[in-house]
Amino acid sequence: MCEKIFCHILFFYYFCDAMTKLITIIGPTASGKTPFAAMLAAQLQAEIISGDSRQVYRRMDIGTGKDLADYVVGGQQIPYHLIDIEEPGKKYNLFRYQQDFLEVYEKLRERSTPAILCGGTGLYIEAVLKGYALSPVPQNSDLREALKDKTLDELTKILEQLKVRNHSALHNRTDVDTVNRAIRAIEIETFELEHPTPDRAASAVDSLIIGLNIDRASRREKISRRLQQRLNAGMVEEVRALLAEGISPADLIYYGLEYKYLTQYILGEMTHDEMFRALEIAIHQFAKRQMTWFRGMERRGFKINWIDAMLSQEEKIEWAMNLIKNDATCCP
């Protein structure tokens, strides 16, 4: 009996210490990452760090799926970070994300506040967990001039060749779905090839990783339904407002997916039906590429604890709390 009491006391102190260990929640778009992360944060008195490459932009709300209402759980506002930190039209990048993440994470650790990293941008998440050696990469005007007339397929092949030479996991098609993004990816890989950075690697971050796994049919149904809901909620008007404030169509198209196709629709380059069908297909393809990236993370040594995304929130929270308890390695 005394031994059992001792174990519970030991677990309590270990659990508190373990909560300084980062929890990471990943999954494809429409898997329900945000509401799950927010509910878990409410249980743990944690704060959430976003791992989404587009939610950093202000006034890009519906198209990026911020769903800020999800951060209120039982009337409790869950603090979140790295959302709404950059102006639209700017080019936020992986290097900046790594620096911003580490700044937020260290502040939370100093306060002994549990942190949950939540998002679907696999590259951003892997970079901070593994401590990739990154540097600010300047624009290469000569390279851009040489690439300007190439197609996306041609650019993708060039990028793949550079990745082989670099032994790089920095990019995949999840992040290069437009010509401009592909050129930027080539620019980064070229810079890394010419300026190796092993001596500037950041420290890896130890994390318990939870993945929300959703079957293909459910994922496709949720994506299609959510796309229609967002269009009904004013996503077209959101993009019109961004254009009206002076953000160029090229900059919005650079962000891909919703902003690419809605901008083309607003410019009269496609009908509403054409936009909807093309965007729906693009999001389905994007979700598939996200899962490809996460499976790649497993091959690169990450342990991901997968759970069925279609379980109730209560079931997922109970499962997650048990996982955290077991991760604390307390005696049974």
C-alpha atoms as a PDB file:
ATOM      1  CA  MET A   1       0.000   0.000   0.000  1.00  0.00           C
ATOM      2  CA  CYS A   2       2.798   2.389   0.951  1.00  0.00           C
ATOM      3  CA  GLU A   3       4.612   1.464  -2.258  1.00  0.00           C
ATOM      4  CA  LYS A   4       1.492   2.307  -4.284  1.00  0.00           C
ATOM      5  CA  ILE A   5       1.106   5.660  -2.527  1.00  0.00           C
ATOM      6  CA  PHE A   6       4.783   6.343  -3.179  1.00  0.00           C
ATOM      7  CA  CYS A   7       4.257   5.555  -6.869  1.00  0.00           C
ATOM      8  CA  HIS A   8       1.354   8.010  -7.087  1.00  0.00           C
ATOM      9  CA  ILE A   9       3.479  10.708  -5.408  1.00  0.00           C
ATOM     10  CA  LEU A  10       6.378   9.880  -7.713  1.00  0.00           C
ATOM     11  CA  PHE A  11       4.086  10.071 -10.733  1.00  0.00           C
ATOM     12  CA  PHE A  12       2.729  13.440  -9.621  1.00  0.00           C
ATOM     13  CA  TYR A  13       6.195  14.983  -9.497  1.00  0.00           C
ATOM     14  CA  TYR A  14       7.369  13.221 -12.634  1.00  0.00           C
ATOM     15  CA  PHE A  15       4.176  14.236 -14.442  1.00  0.00           C
ATOM     16  CA  CYS A  16       4.751  17.885 -13.549  1.00  0.00           C
ATOM     17  CA  ASP A  17       8.306  17.605 -14.831  1.00  0.00           C
ATOM     18  CA  ALA A  18       7.174  15.696 -17.924  1.00  0.00           C
ATOM     19  CA  MET A  19       4.787  18.502 -18.752  1.00  0.00           C
ATOM     20  CA  THR A  20       7.791  20.676 -19.505  1.00  0.00           C
ATOM     21  CA  LYS A  21       8.329  18.176 -22.338  1.00  0.00           C
ATOM     22  CA  LEU A  22       6.695  19.332 -25.528  1.00  0.00           C
ATOM     23  CA  ILE A  23       3.577  17.567 -26.755  1.00  0.00           C
ATOM     24  CA  THR A  24       3.124  17.685 -30.528  1.00  0.00           C
ATOM     25  CA  ILE A  25      -0.201  17.080 -32.276  1.00  0.00           C
ATOM     26  CA  ILE A  26      -0.102  16.492 -36.024  1.00  0.00           C
ATOM     27  CA  GLY A  27      -2.478  15.280 -38.687  1.00  0.00           C
ATOM     28  CA  PRO A  28      -3.776  16.141 -42.147  1.00  0.00           C
ATOM     29  CA  THR A  29      -6.147  18.995 -42.813  1.00  0.00           C
ATOM     30  CA  ALA A  30      -9.698  18.371 -41.527  1.00  0.00           C
ATOM     31  CA  SER A  31      -8.529  15.805 -38.959  1.00  0.00           C
ATOM     32  CA  GLY A  32      -9.609  17.993 -36.016  1.00  0.00           C
ATOM     33  CA  LYS A  33      -6.191  18.924 -34.642  1.00  0.00           C
ATOM     34  CA  THR A  34      -7.112  22.307 -33.175  1.00  0.00           C
ATOM     35  CA  PRO A  35     -10.163  21.366 -31.069  1.00  0.00           C
ATOM     36  CA  PHE A  36      -8.335  18.283 -29.784  1.00  0.00           C
ATOM     37  CA  ALA A  37      -5.220  20.292 -28.915  1.00  0.00           C
ATOM     38  CA  ALA A  38      -7.299  22.986 -27.208  1.00  0.00           C
ATOM     39  CA  MET A  39      -9.210  20.468 -25.095  1.00  0.00           C
ATOM     40  CA  LEU A  40      -5.969  18.736 -24.116  1.00  0.00           C
ATOM     41  CA  ALA A  41      -4.433  22.109 -23.281  1.00  0.00           C
ATOM     42  CA  ALA A  42      -7.384  22.862 -20.999  1.00  0.00           C
ATOM     43  CA  GLN A  43      -6.740  19.580 -19.178  1.00  0.00           C
ATOM     44  CA  LEU A  44      -3.031  20.262 -18.774  1.00  0.00           C
ATOM     45  CA  GLN A  45      -3.185  24.058 -18.298  1.00  0.00           C
ATOM     46  CA  ALA A  46      -0.977  24.244 -21.356  1.00  0.00           C
ATOM     47  CA  GLU A  47      -0.474  26.826 -24.103  1.00  0.00           C
ATOM     48  CA  ILE A  48      -0.536  26.053 -27.813  1.00  0.00           C
ATOM     49  CA  ILE A  49       2.174  26.884 -30.341  1.00  0.00           C
ATOM     50  CA  SER A  50       0.861  26.811 -33.895  1.00  0.00           C
ATOM     51  CA  GLY A  51       2.718  24.728 -36.467  1.00  0.00           C
ATOM     52  CA  ASP A  52       0.931  26.131 -39.511  1.00  0.00           C
ATOM     53  CA  SER A  53       2.831  28.037 -42.196  1.00  0.00           C
ATOM     54  CA  ARG A  54      -0.120  30.234 -43.245  1.00  0.00           C
ATOM     55  CA  GLN A  55      -1.871  31.001 -39.967  1.00  0.00           C
ATOM     56  CA  VAL A  56       0.978  33.395 -39.174  1.00  0.00           C
ATOM     57  CA  TYR A  57      -0.710  35.956 -41.477  1.00  0.00           C
ATOM     58  CA  ARG A  58      -3.189  38.501 -40.131  1.00  0.00           C
ATOM     59  CA  ARG A  59      -6.614  38.821 -41.786  1.00  0.00           C
ATOM     60  CA  MET A  60      -6.103  35.502 -43.569  1.00  0.00           C
ATOM     61  CA  ASP A  61      -8.533  33.741 -41.270  1.00  0.00           C
ATOM     62  CA  ILE A  62     -11.131  31.678 -43.115  1.00  0.00           C
ATOM     63  CA  GLY A  63      -8.818  30.466 -45.855  1.00  0.00           C
ATOM     64  CA  THR A  64      -6.162  29.300 -43.394  1.00  0.00           C
ATOM     65  CA  GLY A  65      -8.729  27.663 -41.103  1.00  0.00           C
ATOM     66  CA  LYS A  66      -7.722  29.475 -37.925  1.00  0.00           C
ATOM     67  CA  ASP A  67     -11.018  28.610 -36.220  1.00  0.00           C
ATOM     68  CA  LEU A  68     -10.086  30.757 -33.225  1.00  0.00           C
ATOM     69  CA  ALA A  69     -13.334  29.840 -31.485  1.00  0.00           C
ATOM     70  CA  ASP A  70     -11.831  26.377 -30.958  1.00  0.00           C
ATOM     71  CA  TYR A  71      -9.356  27.930 -28.522  1.00  0.00           C
ATOM     72  CA  VAL A  72     -12.156  28.582 -26.038  1.00  0.00           C
ATOM     73  CA  VAL A  73     -12.917  25.437 -24.024  1.00  0.00           C
ATOM     74  CA  GLY A  74     -15.636  25.529 -21.388  1.00  0.00           C
ATOM     75  CA  GLY A  75     -15.403  29.300 -21.301  1.00  0.00           C
ATOM     76  CA  GLN A  76     -11.631  29.121 -20.813  1.00  0.00           C
ATOM     77  CA  GLN A  77      -9.437  30.942 -23.345  1.00  0.00           C
ATOM     78  CA  ILE A  78      -6.514  28.725 -24.287  1.00  0.00           C
ATOM     79  CA  PRO A  79      -3.433  30.883 -24.978  1.00  0.00           C
ATOM     80  CA  TYR A  80      -1.941  30.379 -28.429  1.00  0.00           C
ATOM     81  CA  HIS A  81       1.203  31.570 -30.180  1.00  0.00           C
ATOM     82  CA  LEU A  82       2.555  32.136 -33.728  1.00  0.00           C
ATOM     83  CA  ILE A  83      -0.832  33.032 -35.146  1.00  0.00           C
ATOM     84  CA  ASP A  84      -1.435  36.540 -36.579  1.00  0.00           C
ATOM     85  CA  ILE A  85       2.210  37.617 -36.321  1.00  0.00           C
ATOM     86  CA  GLU A  86       2.892  38.730 -39.906  1.00  0.00           C
ATOM     87  CA  GLU A  87       1.251  41.004 -42.469  1.00  0.00           C
ATOM     88  CA  PRO A  88      -0.198  39.466 -45.657  1.00  0.00           C
ATOM     89  CA  GLY A  89       2.016  39.918 -48.675  1.00  0.00           C
ATOM     90  CA  LYS A  90       5.170  39.180 -46.700  1.00  0.00           C
ATOM     91  CA  LYS A  91       7.180  35.990 -47.168  1.00  0.00           C
ATOM     92  CA  TYR A  92       7.357  34.270 -43.802  1.00  0.00           C
ATOM     93  CA  ASN A  93       9.795  31.359 -43.942  1.00  0.00           C
ATOM     94  CA  LEU A  94      11.125  28.278 -42.199  1.00  0.00           C
ATOM     95  CA  PHE A  95      14.137  30.038 -40.702  1.00  0.00           C
ATOM     96  CA  ARG A  96      11.944  32.668 -39.079  1.00  0.00           C
ATOM     97  CA  TYR A  97       9.540  30.032 -37.821  1.00  0.00           C
ATOM     98  CA  GLN A  98      12.339  28.114 -36.144  1.00  0.00           C
ATOM     99  CA  GLN A  99      13.547  31.278 -34.404  1.00  0.00           C
ATOM    100  CA  ASP A 100      10.033  32.324 -33.376  1.00  0.00           C
ATOM    101  CA  PHE A 101       9.177  28.855 -32.107  1.00  0.00           C
ATOM    102  CA  LEU A 102      12.301  28.588 -29.976  1.00  0.00           C
ATOM    103  CA  GLU A 103      11.684  32.028 -28.487  1.00  0.00           C
ATOM    104  CA  VAL A 104       8.125  31.127 -27.469  1.00  0.00           C
ATOM    105  CA  TYR A 105       9.035  27.639 -26.291  1.00  0.00           C
ATOM    106  CA  GLU A 106      11.885  28.843 -24.099  1.00  0.00           C
ATOM    107  CA  LYS A 107       9.639  31.456 -22.461  1.00  0.00           C
ATOM    108  CA  LEU A 108       7.060  28.777 -21.673  1.00  0.00           C
ATOM    109  CA  ARG A 109       9.751  26.526 -20.224  1.00  0.00           C
ATOM    110  CA  GLU A 110      11.016  29.364 -18.055  1.00  0.00           C
ATOM    111  CA  ARG A 111       7.498  29.679 -16.633  1.00  0.00           C
ATOM    112  CA  SER A 112       7.198  25.868 -16.337  1.00  0.00           C
ATOM    113  CA  THR A 113       4.141  26.124 -18.565  1.00  0.00           C
ATOM    114  CA  PRO A 114       3.268  23.006 -20.585  1.00  0.00           C
ATOM    115  CA  ALA A 115       3.406  23.539 -24.343  1.00  0.00           C
ATOM    116  CA  ILE A 116       1.525  21.828 -27.161  1.00  0.00           C
ATOM    117  CA  LEU A 117       2.811  22.228 -30.715  1.00  0.00           C
ATOM    118  CA  CYS A 118      -0.136  21.751 -33.068  1.00  0.00           C
ATOM    119  CA  GLY A 119      -0.253  21.948 -36.835  1.00  0.00           C
ATOM    120  CA  GLY A 120      -0.153  20.332 -40.210  1.00  0.00           C
ATOM    121  CA  THR A 121       2.956  21.894 -41.765  1.00  0.00           C
ATOM    122  CA  GLY A 122       5.212  18.883 -41.442  1.00  0.00           C
ATOM    123  CA  LEU A 123       8.328  20.719 -42.568  1.00  0.00           C
ATOM    124  CA  TYR A 124       7.973  23.372 -39.859  1.00  0.00           C
ATOM    125  CA  ILE A 125       7.288  20.788 -37.169  1.00  0.00           C
ATOM    126  CA  GLU A 126      10.135  18.500 -38.181  1.00  0.00           C
ATOM    127  CA  ALA A 127      12.559  21.415 -38.405  1.00  0.00           C
ATOM    128  CA  VAL A 128      11.994  22.507 -34.804  1.00  0.00           C
ATOM    129  CA  LEU A 129      11.840  19.012 -33.339  1.00  0.00           C
ATOM    130  CA  LYS A 130      14.986  17.834 -35.088  1.00  0.00           C
ATOM    131  CA  GLY A 131      16.853  21.127 -34.782  1.00  0.00           C
ATOM    132  CA  TYR A 132      17.638  21.624 -38.458  1.00  0.00           C
ATOM    133  CA  ALA A 133      20.603  23.863 -39.223  1.00  0.00           C
ATOM    134  CA  LEU A 134      18.947  26.825 -40.919  1.00  0.00           C
ATOM    135  CA  SER A 135      19.977  30.265 -41.997  1.00  0.00           C
ATOM    136  CA  PRO A 136      18.291  33.272 -43.606  1.00  0.00           C
ATOM    137  CA  VAL A 137      18.600  32.690 -47.341  1.00  0.00           C
ATOM    138  CA  PRO A 138      18.936  35.802 -49.535  1.00  0.00           C
ATOM    139  CA  GLN A 139      17.305  36.042 -52.924  1.00  0.00           C
ATOM    140  CA  ASN A 140      19.469  34.930 -55.839  1.00  0.00           C
ATOM    141  CA  SER A 141      18.492  37.173 -58.746  1.00  0.00           C
ATOM    142  CA  ASP A 142      20.614  35.276 -61.305  1.00  0.00           C
ATOM    143  CA  LEU A 143      19.072  31.962 -60.297  1.00  0.00           C
ATOM    144  CA  ARG A 144      15.556  33.402 -60.384  1.00  0.00           C
ATOM    145  CA  GLU A 145      16.162  34.795 -63.868  1.00  0.00           C
ATOM    146  CA  ALA A 146      17.363  31.389 -65.049  1.00  0.00           C
ATOM    147  CA  LEU A 147      14.280  29.653 -63.628  1.00  0.00           C
ATOM    148  CA  LYS A 148      11.558  32.157 -64.463  1.00  0.00           C
ATOM    149  CA  ASP A 149      10.296  30.440 -67.642  1.00  0.00           C
ATOM    150  CA  LYS A 150      10.294  26.870 -66.315  1.00  0.00           C
ATOM    151  CA  THR A 151       7.110  24.973 -65.523  1.00  0.00           C
ATOM    152  CA  LEU A 152       6.196  23.689 -62.071  1.00  0.00           C
ATOM    153  CA  ASP A 153       7.014  20.122 -63.169  1.00  0.00           C
ATOM    154  CA  GLU A 154      10.433  21.199 -64.437  1.00  0.00           C
ATOM    155  CA  LEU A 155      11.129  23.098 -61.227  1.00  0.00           C
ATOM    156  CA  THR A 156      10.039  20.111 -59.148  1.00  0.00           C
ATOM    157  CA  LYS A 157      12.555  17.875 -60.938  1.00  0.00           C
ATOM    158  CA  ILE A 158      15.332  20.411 -60.325  1.00  0.00           C
ATOM    159  CA  LEU A 159      14.351  20.583 -56.665  1.00  0.00           C
ATOM    160  CA  GLU A 160      14.358  16.790 -56.328  1.00  0.00           C
ATOM    161  CA  GLN A 161      17.866  16.621 -57.795  1.00  0.00           C
ATOM    162  CA  LEU A 162      19.092  19.279 -55.347  1.00  0.00           C
ATOM    163  CA  LYS A 163      17.512  17.422 -52.436  1.00  0.00           C
ATOM    164  CA  VAL A 164      19.401  14.255 -53.390  1.00  0.00           C
ATOM    165  CA  ARG A 165      22.673  16.163 -53.503  1.00  0.00           C
ATOM    166  CA  ASN A 166      21.924  17.872 -50.173  1.00  0.00           C
ATOM    167  CA  HIS A 167      20.571  14.723 -48.470  1.00  0.00           C
ATOM    168  CA  SER A 168      17.775  17.119 -47.593  1.00  0.00           C
ATOM    169  CA  ALA A 169      14.299  16.727 -46.110  1.00  0.00           C
ATOM    170  CA  LEU A 170      13.623  20.456 -46.294  1.00  0.00           C
ATOM    171  CA  HIS A 171      10.989  20.390 -49.012  1.00  0.00           C
ATOM    172  CA  ASN A 172       8.416  18.171 -50.658  1.00  0.00           C
ATOM    173  CA  ARG A 173       5.441  18.881 -52.884  1.00  0.00           C
ATOM    174  CA  THR A 174       3.388  19.886 -49.835  1.00  0.00           C
ATOM    175  CA  ASP A 175       5.308  23.151 -49.798  1.00  0.00           C
ATOM    176  CA  VAL A 176       5.964  23.769 -53.505  1.00  0.00           C
ATOM    177  CA  ASP A 177       2.530  23.812 -55.113  1.00  0.00           C
ATOM    178  CA  THR A 178       3.139  27.034 -57.047  1.00  0.00           C
ATOM    179  CA  VAL A 179       5.944  28.159 -59.366  1.00  0.00           C
ATOM    180  CA  ASN A 180       7.080  30.941 -57.033  1.00  0.00           C
ATOM    181  CA  ARG A 181       7.251  28.625 -54.047  1.00  0.00           C
ATOM    182  CA  ALA A 182       9.171  26.054 -56.090  1.00  0.00           C
ATOM    183  CA  ILE A 183      11.685  28.691 -57.173  1.00  0.00           C
ATOM    184  CA  ARG A 184      12.126  29.770 -53.569  1.00  0.00           C
ATOM    185  CA  ALA A 185      12.643  26.143 -52.523  1.00  0.00           C
ATOM    186  CA  ILE A 186      15.326  25.732 -55.208  1.00  0.00           C
ATOM    187  CA  GLU A 187      16.912  28.965 -54.029  1.00  0.00           C
ATOM    188  CA  ILE A 188      17.086  27.631 -50.463  1.00  0.00           C
ATOM    189  CA  GLU A 189      18.430  24.225 -51.463  1.00  0.00           C
ATOM    190  CA  THR A 190      21.044  25.863 -53.714  1.00  0.00           C
ATOM    191  CA  PHE A 191      22.143  28.131 -50.877  1.00  0.00           C
ATOM    192  CA  GLU A 192      22.375  25.186 -48.473  1.00  0.00           C
ATOM    193  CA  LEU A 193      24.467  23.261 -51.013  1.00  0.00           C
ATOM    194  CA  GLU A 194      26.882  26.161 -51.376  1.00  0.00           C
ATOM    195  CA  HIS A 195      26.880  27.134 -47.667  1.00  0.00           C
ATOM    196  CA  PRO A 196      26.773  23.991 -45.487  1.00  0.00           C
ATOM    197  CA  THR A 197      25.515  24.765 -41.970  1.00  0.00           C
ATOM    198  CA  PRO A 198      26.170  21.729 -39.716  1.00  0.00           C
ATOM    199  CA  ASP A 199      27.895  23.919 -37.131  1.00  0.00           C
ATOM    200  CA  ARG A 200      24.757  26.009 -36.631  1.00  0.00           C
ATOM    201  CA  ALA A 201      22.287  23.244 -35.916  1.00  0.00           C
ATOM    202  CA  ALA A 202      19.753  24.112 -33.241  1.00  0.00           C
ATOM    203  CA  SER A 203      19.139  21.765 -30.347  1.00  0.00           C
ATOM    204  CA  ALA A 204      16.592  19.026 -30.983  1.00  0.00           C
ATOM    205  CA  VAL A 205      13.394  19.264 -28.943  1.00  0.00           C
ATOM    206  CA  ASP A 206      12.229  16.158 -27.117  1.00  0.00           C
ATOM    207  CA  SER A 207       8.532  15.686 -27.780  1.00  0.00           C
ATOM    208  CA  LEU A 208       5.723  13.209 -27.319  1.00  0.00           C
ATOM    209  CA  ILE A 209       4.066  13.154 -30.752  1.00  0.00           C
ATOM    210  CA  ILE A 210       0.380  12.372 -31.234  1.00  0.00           C
ATOM    211  CA  GLY A 211      -0.945  11.896 -34.749  1.00  0.00           C
ATOM    212  CA  LEU A 212      -4.613  12.110 -35.703  1.00  0.00           C
ATOM    213  CA  ASN A 213      -5.284   9.447 -38.302  1.00  0.00           C
ATOM    214  CA  ILE A 214      -8.416   9.810 -40.407  1.00  0.00           C
ATOM    215  CA  ASP A 215      -9.450   7.323 -43.069  1.00  0.00           C
ATOM    216  CA  ARG A 216      -9.472   8.525 -46.660  1.00  0.00           C
ATOM    217  CA  ALA A 217     -13.253   8.482 -47.133  1.00  0.00           C
ATOM    218  CA  SER A 218     -13.948  10.426 -43.925  1.00  0.00           C
ATOM    219  CA  ARG A 219     -11.175  12.868 -44.695  1.00  0.00           C
ATOM    220  CA  ARG A 220     -12.515  13.573 -48.185  1.00  0.00           C
ATOM    221  CA  GLU A 221     -16.061  14.051 -46.872  1.00  0.00           C
ATOM    222  CA  LYS A 222     -14.906  16.464 -44.167  1.00  0.00           C
ATOM    223  CA  ILE A 223     -12.722  18.427 -46.578  1.00  0.00           C
ATOM    224  CA  SER A 224     -15.570  18.883 -49.081  1.00  0.00           C
ATOM    225  CA  ARG A 225     -18.075  19.849 -46.397  1.00  0.00           C
ATOM    226  CA  ARG A 226     -15.670  22.246 -44.724  1.00  0.00           C
ATOM    227  CA  LEU A 227     -14.791  23.911 -48.023  1.00  0.00           C
ATOM    228  CA  GLN A 228     -18.450  24.685 -48.670  1.00  0.00           C
ATOM    229  CA  GLN A 229     -18.874  25.965 -45.115  1.00  0.00           C
ATOM    230  CA  ARG A 230     -15.933  28.302 -45.502  1.00  0.00           C
ATOM    231  CA  LEU A 231     -17.182  29.635 -48.799  1.00  0.00           C
ATOM    232  CA  ASN A 232     -20.558  30.266 -47.134  1.00  0.00           C
ATOM    233  CA  ALA A 233     -18.757  31.989 -44.250  1.00  0.00           C
ATOM    234  CA  GLY A 234     -17.224  34.596 -46.568  1.00  0.00           C
ATOM    235  CA  MET A 235     -13.940  33.180 -47.804  1.00  0.00           C
ATOM    236  CA  VAL A 236     -14.337  34.866 -51.201  1.00  0.00           C
ATOM    237  CA  GLU A 237     -15.006  38.195 -49.481  1.00  0.00           C
ATOM    238  CA  GLU A 238     -11.900  37.671 -47.345  1.00  0.00           C
ATOM    239  CA  VAL A 239      -9.729  37.360 -50.444  1.00  0.00           C
ATOM    240  CA  ARG A 240     -11.460  40.354 -52.097  1.00  0.00           C
ATOM    241  CA  ALA A 241     -10.668  42.429 -49.005  1.00  0.00           C
ATOM    242  CA  LEU A 242      -7.010  41.418 -49.113  1.00  0.00           C
ATOM    243  CA  LEU A 243      -6.801  42.426 -52.774  1.00  0.00           C
ATOM    244  CA  ALA A 244      -8.609  45.700 -52.002  1.00  0.00           C
ATOM    245  CA  GLU A 245      -6.037  46.657 -49.380  1.00  0.00           C
ATOM    246  CA  GLY A 246      -3.307  46.426 -51.997  1.00  0.00           C
ATOM    247  CA  ILE A 247      -1.929  42.914 -51.649  1.00  0.00           C
ATOM    248  CA  SER A 248      -0.957  41.766 -55.121  1.00  0.00           C
ATOM    249  CA  PRO A 249      -2.630  38.768 -56.781  1.00  0.00           C
ATOM    250  CA  ALA A 250       0.825  37.220 -57.199  1.00  0.00           C
ATOM    251  CA  ASP A 251       1.430  37.366 -53.454  1.00  0.00           C
ATOM    252  CA  LEU A 252      -1.907  35.730 -52.684  1.00  0.00           C
ATOM    253  CA  ILE A 253      -1.379  33.055 -55.334  1.00  0.00           C
ATOM    254  CA  TYR A 254       2.021  32.386 -53.714  1.00  0.00           C
ATOM    255  CA  TYR A 255       0.231  31.188 -50.552  1.00  0.00           C
ATOM    256  CA  GLY A 256      -1.407  28.407 -52.552  1.00  0.00           C
ATOM    257  CA  LEU A 257      -4.630  26.446 -52.090  1.00  0.00           C
ATOM    258  CA  GLU A 258      -7.588  28.664 -51.124  1.00  0.00           C
ATOM    259  CA  TYR A 259      -5.777  31.931 -51.854  1.00  0.00           C
ATOM    260  CA  LYS A 260      -4.480  30.713 -55.205  1.00  0.00           C
ATOM    261  CA  TYR A 261      -7.800  29.486 -56.578  1.00  0.00           C
ATOM    262  CA  LEU A 262      -9.999  32.191 -55.064  1.00  0.00           C
ATOM    263  CA  THR A 263      -7.716  34.885 -56.462  1.00  0.00           C
ATOM    264  CA  GLN A 264      -7.920  33.308 -59.894  1.00  0.00           C
ATOM    265  CA  TYR A 265     -11.710  33.164 -59.559  1.00  0.00           C
ATOM    266  CA  ILE A 266     -11.939  36.817 -58.513  1.00  0.00           C
ATOM    267  CA  LEU A 267      -9.715  37.799 -61.438  1.00  0.00           C
ATOM    268  CA  GLY A 268     -12.139  36.051 -63.784  1.00  0.00           C
ATOM    269  CA  GLU A 269      -9.730  33.302 -64.756  1.00  0.00           C
ATOM    270  CA  MET A 270     -12.206  30.556 -63.799  1.00  0.00           C
ATOM    271  CA  THR A 271     -15.866  30.186 -62.965  1.00  0.00           C
ATOM    272  CA  HIS A 272     -17.165  29.535 -59.466  1.00  0.00           C
ATOM    273  CA  ASP A 273     -17.803  25.872 -60.268  1.00  0.00           C
ATOM    274  CA  GLU A 274     -14.345  25.483 -61.807  1.00  0.00           C
ATOM    275  CA  MET A 275     -12.786  27.135 -58.752  1.00  0.00           C
ATOM    276  CA  PHE A 276     -14.670  24.886 -56.341  1.00  0.00           C
ATOM    277  CA  ARG A 277     -13.762  21.684 -58.162  1.00  0.00           C
ATOM    278  CA  ALA A 278     -10.116  22.613 -58.643  1.00  0.00           C
ATOM    279  CA  LEU A 279      -9.725  23.773 -55.037  1.00  0.00           C
ATOM    280  CA  GLU A 280     -11.464  20.687 -53.675  1.00  0.00           C
ATOM    281  CA  ILE A 281      -9.085  18.435 -55.617  1.00  0.00           C
ATOM    282  CA  ALA A 282      -6.072  20.495 -54.534  1.00  0.00           C
ATOM    283  CA  ILE A 283      -7.005  20.227 -50.852  1.00  0.00           C
ATOM    284  CA  HIS A 284      -7.524  16.474 -51.142  1.00  0.00           C
ATOM    285  CA  GLN A 285      -4.084  16.186 -52.741  1.00  0.00           C
ATOM    286  CA  PHE A 286      -2.597  18.433 -50.076  1.00  0.00           C
ATOM    287  CA  ALA A 287      -3.970  16.230 -47.274  1.00  0.00           C
ATOM    288  CA  LYS A 288      -2.506  13.169 -48.952  1.00  0.00           C
ATOM    289  CA  ARG A 289       0.903  14.852 -49.180  1.00  0.00           C
ATOM    290  CA  GLN A 290       0.701  15.807 -45.507  1.00  0.00           C
ATOM    291  CA  MET A 291       0.262  12.158 -44.572  1.00  0.00           C
ATOM    292  CA  THR A 292       3.142  11.231 -46.860  1.00  0.00           C
ATOM    293  CA  TRP A 293       5.325  13.704 -44.971  1.00  0.00           C
ATOM    294  CA  PHE A 294       4.277  12.352 -41.568  1.00  0.00           C
ATOM    295  CA  ARG A 295       4.985   8.777 -42.661  1.00  0.00           C
ATOM    296  CA  GLY A 296       8.349  10.035 -43.849  1.00  0.00           C
ATOM    297  CA  MET A 297       8.991  11.466 -40.390  1.00  0.00           C
ATOM    298  CA  GLU A 298       8.502   7.978 -38.976  1.00  0.00           C
ATOM    299  CA  ARG A 299      11.077   6.616 -41.421  1.00  0.00           C
ATOM    300  CA  ARG A 300      13.420   9.388 -40.293  1.00  0.00           C
ATOM    301  CA  GLY A 301      13.227   8.220 -36.688  1.00  0.00           C
ATOM    302  CA  PHE A 302      10.226  10.016 -35.162  1.00  0.00           C
ATOM    303  CA  LYS A 303       7.848   7.961 -33.047  1.00  0.00           C
ATOM    304  CA  ILE A 304       4.274   9.046 -33.774  1.00  0.00           C
ATOM    305  CA  ASN A 305       1.482   7.729 -31.569  1.00  0.00           C
ATOM    306  CA  TRP A 306      -1.496   7.499 -33.918  1.00  0.00           C
ATOM    307  CA  ILE A 307      -5.111   7.730 -32.777  1.00  0.00           C
ATOM    308  CA  ASP A 308      -8.344   7.502 -34.743  1.00  0.00           C
ATOM    309  CA  ALA A 309      -9.451  11.060 -35.465  1.00  0.00           C
ATOM    310  CA  MET A 310     -13.084   9.962 -35.597  1.00  0.00           C
ATOM    311  CA  LEU A 311     -13.208   8.997 -31.914  1.00  0.00           C
ATOM    312  CA  SER A 312     -15.073  11.366 -29.603  1.00  0.00           C
ATOM    313  CA  GLN A 313     -13.081  14.165 -28.008  1.00  0.00           C
ATOM    314  CA  GLU A 314     -13.580  12.548 -24.606  1.00  0.00           C
ATOM    315  CA  GLU A 315     -12.135   9.247 -25.879  1.00  0.00           C
ATOM    316  CA  LYS A 316      -9.176  10.990 -27.465  1.00  0.00           C
ATOM    317  CA  ILE A 317      -8.445  13.021 -24.334  1.00  0.00           C
ATOM    318  CA  GLU A 318      -8.591   9.933 -22.113  1.00  0.00           C
ATOM    319  CA  TRP A 319      -6.261   8.109 -24.496  1.00  0.00           C
ATOM    320  CA  ALA A 320      -3.855  11.077 -24.609  1.00  0.00           C
ATOM    321  CA  MET A 321      -3.760  11.438 -20.826  1.00  0.00           C
ATOM    322  CA  ASN A 322      -2.944   7.747 -20.468  1.00  0.00           C
ATOM    323  CA  LEU A 323      -0.246   8.111 -23.104  1.00  0.00           C
ATOM    324  CA  ILE A 324       1.265  11.036 -21.212  1.00  0.00           C
ATOM    325  CA  LYS A 325       1.104   9.074 -17.969  1.00  0.00           C
ATOM    326  CA  ASN A 326       2.826   6.082 -19.565  1.00  0.00           C
ATOM    327  CA  ASP A 327       5.425   8.376 -21.103  1.00  0.00           C
ATOM    328  CA  ALA A 328       6.232   9.512 -17.556  1.00  0.00           C
ATOM    329  CA  THR A 329       7.344   5.867 -16.939  1.00  0.00           C
ATOM    330  CA  CYS A 330       5.812   5.705 -13.496  1.00  0.00           C
ATOM    331  CA  CYS A 331       5.397   2.294 -11.975  1.00  0.00           C
ATOM    332  CA  PRO A 332       1.944   0.708 -12.592  1.00  0.00           C
END
